[in-house]
Amino acid sequence: MKAIIFAAGLGTRFKPWTDTHPKALAIVNGKTLLQRNIEYLQQFNIYEVVINVHHFADQIINSVKTNNGWGSKISISDERTEVLETGGGLLNAQKYFTKKESFILCNVDVLTNLNINALQLFHQQNKPLISFGVTNRVSSRNFLFDNTNRLCGWENNNTNEKKIAINHSPLIAKAYSCVAILDYSIFDLMIKNNFSGKFSLTDVYLKLASSHTILGFDHSGDKFLDVGKPESVAIAETIFS
């Protein structure tokens, strides 16, 4: 199985580090976030990884080359012309994936010990289009599920905005872990539904939820941290050795 690590973002919440560096190269206990995510994937025998790059792309590329990909085969999906967000970034990287094979995606600024083998088993048993990790932690935004863990909608807890794809009551709110398994057919579905350029995977999930099964895999209790701000590094260093 192959994976993509999203590492192209501007990291605006991570200033001043991101004024001169990409967030992917922020260091937690002597290792960059990028190295940690590559080594995380290796724990589950995933050694072919695509990394999308935009902000200080050359620094990421040089780090990968200098460290020989930390033992993994790395492909670079170049977004230096324009950052494409998660959906556009994934579609732009289609050529690196194998037809009819599912793949993993994760965010470079998220650290977790979610068991990808368990996520894969869940995906194989239920056969959805997409399976993604969720937990019951507090978050500013949540995906909304029915009692079978099927994705039904999304809400922003700060603005009270809701987007409902499937009407169901009650709806169960859970927080997205930014680790997912997707069927290769996601590429054809994005194109068929006129997704192009710069767009979010959240929009894709919500567009497809009513016509395709998208499931949340609850791994509450696992380690998880969004290393979104400089102060998050100190917290990460107490959780991830």
Protein backbone atom coordinates (compact mmCIF):
# COMPACT_ATOMS: atom_id res chain seq x y z
CA MET A 1 0.00 0.00 0.00
CA LYS A 2 1.15 3.53 -0.82
CA ALA A 3 0.57 6.70 1.17
CA ILE A 4 0.46 10.45 0.69
CA ILE A 5 1.59 12.91 3.35
CA PHE A 6 0.11 16.39 2.94
CA ALA A 7 2.98 18.81 3.56
CA ALA A 8 2.26 21.73 1.22
CA GLY A 9 0.43 24.05 3.61
CA LEU A 10 1.57 27.57 4.49
CA GLY A 11 1.51 26.86 8.22
CA THR A 12 0.12 30.29 9.10
CA ARG A 13 -0.75 29.15 12.63
CA PHE A 14 2.85 28.04 13.14
CA LYS A 15 4.56 31.42 12.74
CA PRO A 16 7.29 32.57 13.28
CA TRP A 17 8.84 29.18 12.35
CA THR A 18 7.00 29.12 9.02
CA ASP A 19 8.33 32.55 8.05
CA THR A 20 11.58 30.79 7.13
CA HIS A 21 10.77 27.04 7.17
CA PRO A 22 8.00 24.63 6.19
CA LYS A 23 5.98 23.27 9.09
CA ALA A 24 6.95 19.76 7.95
CA LEU A 25 10.48 20.38 9.23
CA ALA A 26 9.48 21.53 12.72
CA ILE A 27 11.31 19.37 15.25
CA VAL A 28 9.79 17.27 18.01
CA ASN A 29 12.31 15.52 20.27
CA GLY A 30 15.03 15.65 17.64
CA LYS A 31 12.95 14.49 14.68
CA THR A 32 11.03 16.54 12.15
CA LEU A 33 7.29 16.09 11.76
CA LEU A 34 7.96 14.73 8.29
CA GLN A 35 10.39 12.09 9.53
CA ARG A 36 7.98 11.08 12.27
CA ASN A 37 5.15 10.54 9.81
CA ILE A 38 7.34 8.55 7.42
CA GLU A 39 8.53 6.34 10.29
CA TYR A 40 4.92 6.01 11.52
CA LEU A 41 3.91 4.61 8.13
CA GLN A 42 6.90 2.28 8.15
CA GLN A 43 5.57 0.64 11.31
CA PHE A 44 2.78 -0.73 9.10
CA ASN A 45 5.05 -1.77 6.23
CA ILE A 46 4.25 1.29 4.12
CA TYR A 47 7.45 2.32 2.38
CA GLU A 48 6.18 4.10 -0.75
CA VAL A 49 5.19 7.65 0.10
CA VAL A 50 4.11 10.69 -1.91
CA ILE A 51 4.73 14.09 -0.35
CA ASN A 52 3.08 17.20 -1.76
CA VAL A 53 5.12 20.39 -1.42
CA HIS A 54 4.58 24.14 -1.84
CA HIS A 55 5.76 26.32 1.06
CA PHE A 56 9.60 26.23 1.19
CA ALA A 57 9.39 23.15 -1.04
CA ASP A 58 13.15 23.06 -1.65
CA GLN A 59 13.83 22.63 2.06
CA ILE A 60 11.56 19.57 2.19
CA ILE A 61 13.05 18.09 -0.98
CA ASN A 62 16.59 18.63 0.30
CA SER A 63 15.73 17.05 3.65
CA VAL A 64 14.30 13.99 1.91
CA LYS A 65 17.41 13.65 -0.29
CA THR A 66 19.88 14.24 2.54
CA ASN A 67 18.23 11.54 4.65
CA ASN A 68 17.60 9.11 1.78
CA GLY A 69 13.88 9.26 2.50
CA TRP A 70 14.54 7.80 5.98
CA GLY A 71 14.47 4.39 4.30
CA SER A 72 11.30 4.92 2.26
CA LYS A 73 10.81 5.50 -1.46
CA ILE A 74 9.64 9.10 -1.72
CA SER A 75 7.88 10.78 -4.65
CA ILE A 76 7.40 14.55 -4.66
CA SER A 77 4.13 16.01 -5.92
CA ASP A 78 5.10 19.56 -6.80
CA GLU A 79 2.61 22.35 -6.02
CA ARG A 80 5.09 25.22 -6.03
CA THR A 81 3.01 27.11 -8.60
CA GLU A 82 -0.12 27.05 -6.42
CA VAL A 83 -1.03 25.32 -3.18
CA LEU A 84 -4.05 23.14 -3.97
CA GLU A 85 -5.38 22.23 -0.48
CA THR A 86 -6.01 18.60 0.43
CA GLY A 87 -8.46 17.69 -2.34
CA GLY A 88 -6.63 19.44 -5.13
CA GLY A 89 -3.34 18.16 -3.79
CA LEU A 90 -4.58 14.59 -3.85
CA LEU A 91 -5.99 14.87 -7.37
CA ASN A 92 -2.73 16.43 -8.55
CA ALA A 93 -0.85 13.40 -7.18
CA GLN A 94 -3.02 10.78 -8.93
CA LYS A 95 -0.22 9.64 -11.23
CA TYR A 96 1.78 8.31 -8.29
CA PHE A 97 -0.89 5.79 -7.25
CA THR A 98 -1.75 2.37 -8.67
CA LYS A 99 -5.12 1.77 -10.30
CA LYS A 100 -7.55 -0.37 -8.29
CA GLU A 101 -5.36 -0.16 -5.17
CA SER A 102 -6.49 1.69 -2.05
CA PHE A 103 -4.03 4.01 -0.34
CA ILE A 104 -3.41 5.91 2.89
CA LEU A 105 -3.37 9.65 3.44
CA CYS A 106 -2.20 11.63 6.46
CA ASN A 107 -1.24 15.19 7.41
CA VAL A 108 2.35 16.07 8.24
CA ASP A 109 1.30 18.19 11.23
CA VAL A 110 -0.69 15.41 12.91
CA LEU A 111 0.95 12.89 15.21
CA THR A 112 -0.93 9.77 16.27
CA ASN A 113 -0.47 6.10 17.04
CA LEU A 114 -3.68 5.06 15.28
CA ASN A 115 -3.22 1.40 14.28
CA ILE A 116 -3.28 1.45 10.48
CA ASN A 117 -3.53 -2.35 10.38
CA ALA A 118 -6.80 -2.09 12.33
CA LEU A 119 -8.01 0.68 10.01
CA GLN A 120 -7.17 -1.50 6.99
CA LEU A 121 -9.06 -4.46 8.46
CA PHE A 122 -12.07 -2.22 9.12
CA HIS A 123 -11.90 -0.98 5.52
CA GLN A 124 -11.61 -4.51 4.08
CA GLN A 125 -14.50 -5.83 6.15
CA ASN A 126 -16.90 -2.97 5.42
CA LYS A 127 -15.81 -2.12 1.86
CA PRO A 128 -16.65 1.61 1.89
CA LEU A 129 -15.26 4.15 -0.54
CA ILE A 130 -13.38 5.81 2.32
CA SER A 131 -12.57 4.89 5.92
CA PHE A 132 -11.06 7.58 8.12
CA GLY A 133 -9.96 7.82 11.71
CA VAL A 134 -12.11 9.77 14.17
CA THR A 135 -12.16 10.27 17.93
CA ASN A 136 -14.52 11.76 20.49
CA ARG A 137 -12.10 14.56 21.41
CA VAL A 138 -13.18 18.22 21.56
CA SER A 139 -12.69 19.99 18.22
CA SER A 140 -13.78 23.22 16.56
CA ARG A 141 -15.19 21.17 13.66
CA ASN A 142 -16.76 17.74 13.59
CA PHE A 143 -17.97 15.19 11.11
CA LEU A 144 -21.45 13.85 11.85
CA PHE A 145 -22.30 10.14 11.71
CA ASP A 146 -25.28 7.84 12.09
CA ASN A 147 -25.21 4.90 14.49
CA THR A 148 -23.49 2.69 11.88
CA ASN A 149 -20.56 5.13 11.64
CA ARG A 150 -21.63 6.31 8.18
CA LEU A 151 -20.75 9.91 7.37
CA CYS A 152 -23.86 12.10 7.23
CA GLY A 153 -22.58 15.65 7.59
CA TRP A 154 -20.24 18.24 9.07
CA GLU A 155 -20.48 21.10 11.54
CA ASN A 156 -18.41 24.08 12.63
CA ASN A 157 -18.79 24.46 16.38
CA ASN A 158 -17.57 28.07 16.35
CA THR A 159 -20.02 29.36 13.75
CA ASN A 160 -22.80 26.74 14.11
CA GLU A 161 -22.64 26.15 10.36
CA LYS A 162 -23.84 22.67 9.36
CA LYS A 163 -23.70 20.74 6.11
CA ILE A 164 -25.95 17.68 5.99
CA ALA A 165 -25.51 15.05 3.29
CA ILE A 166 -27.83 12.42 4.79
CA ASN A 167 -30.73 13.32 7.09
CA HIS A 168 -30.54 11.14 10.16
CA SER A 169 -31.43 11.49 13.81
CA PRO A 170 -29.56 11.44 16.03
CA LEU A 171 -26.29 12.56 14.50
CA ILE A 172 -23.09 11.67 16.37
CA ALA A 173 -20.28 14.23 16.30
CA LYS A 174 -16.69 13.04 16.09
CA ALA A 175 -13.39 14.73 15.28
CA TYR A 176 -11.41 13.87 12.14
CA SER A 177 -7.95 12.40 12.71
CA CYS A 178 -6.56 13.19 9.24
CA VAL A 179 -5.61 9.55 8.61
CA ALA A 180 -7.71 7.80 5.97
CA ILE A 181 -7.85 4.91 3.52
CA LEU A 182 -9.33 5.75 0.14
CA ASP A 183 -10.31 3.56 -2.79
CA TYR A 184 -8.51 4.48 -6.02
CA SER A 185 -11.91 5.23 -7.61
CA ILE A 186 -11.93 8.47 -5.60
CA PHE A 187 -9.97 10.07 -8.45
CA ASP A 188 -12.60 9.30 -11.09
CA LEU A 189 -15.34 10.43 -8.70
CA MET A 190 -13.63 13.77 -8.06
CA ILE A 191 -13.34 14.39 -11.80
CA LYS A 192 -16.91 13.18 -12.47
CA ASN A 193 -18.20 15.62 -9.84
CA ASN A 194 -16.28 18.53 -11.39
CA PHE A 195 -13.69 18.97 -8.67
CA SER A 196 -10.60 20.70 -10.01
CA GLY A 197 -7.92 23.17 -9.00
CA LYS A 198 -7.89 24.15 -5.32
CA PHE A 199 -10.40 22.41 -3.04
CA SER A 200 -10.72 20.58 0.28
CA LEU A 201 -11.21 16.86 0.80
CA THR A 202 -13.95 17.76 3.28
CA ASP A 203 -15.99 19.05 0.34
CA VAL A 204 -15.36 15.78 -1.51
CA TYR A 205 -16.42 13.69 1.47
CA LEU A 206 -19.67 15.63 1.87
CA LYS A 207 -20.44 15.61 -1.85
CA LEU A 208 -20.05 11.83 -2.09
CA ALA A 209 -21.48 10.81 1.30
CA SER A 210 -25.07 10.38 0.12
CA SER A 211 -24.18 8.19 -2.88
CA HIS A 212 -21.16 6.30 -1.53
CA THR A 213 -20.47 4.76 1.86
CA ILE A 214 -17.90 6.75 3.84
CA LEU A 215 -17.19 5.43 7.33
CA GLY A 216 -15.60 6.75 10.48
CA PHE A 217 -13.21 4.44 12.33
CA ASP A 218 -13.32 5.37 16.01
CA HIS A 219 -9.91 5.09 17.65
CA SER A 220 -10.66 7.17 20.75
CA GLY A 221 -8.05 6.56 23.42
CA ASP A 222 -5.12 6.49 21.03
CA LYS A 223 -2.45 9.17 21.13
CA PHE A 224 -3.35 12.11 18.91
CA LEU A 225 -2.09 15.67 18.54
CA ASP A 226 -2.56 18.35 15.91
CA VAL A 227 0.81 20.12 16.00
CA GLY A 228 -0.80 23.22 14.58
CA LYS A 229 0.86 25.92 16.69
CA PRO A 230 4.40 26.44 18.04
CA GLU A 231 3.20 25.78 21.60
CA SER A 232 1.98 22.35 20.43
CA VAL A 233 5.60 21.21 20.07
CA ALA A 234 6.14 21.19 23.84
CA ILE A 235 2.97 19.12 24.28
CA ALA A 236 4.05 16.74 21.51
CA GLU A 237 7.39 16.21 23.21
CA THR A 238 5.62 14.91 26.32
CA ILE A 239 3.53 12.45 24.29
CA PHE A 240 5.80 11.26 21.48
CA SER A 241 9.32 10.20 22.35
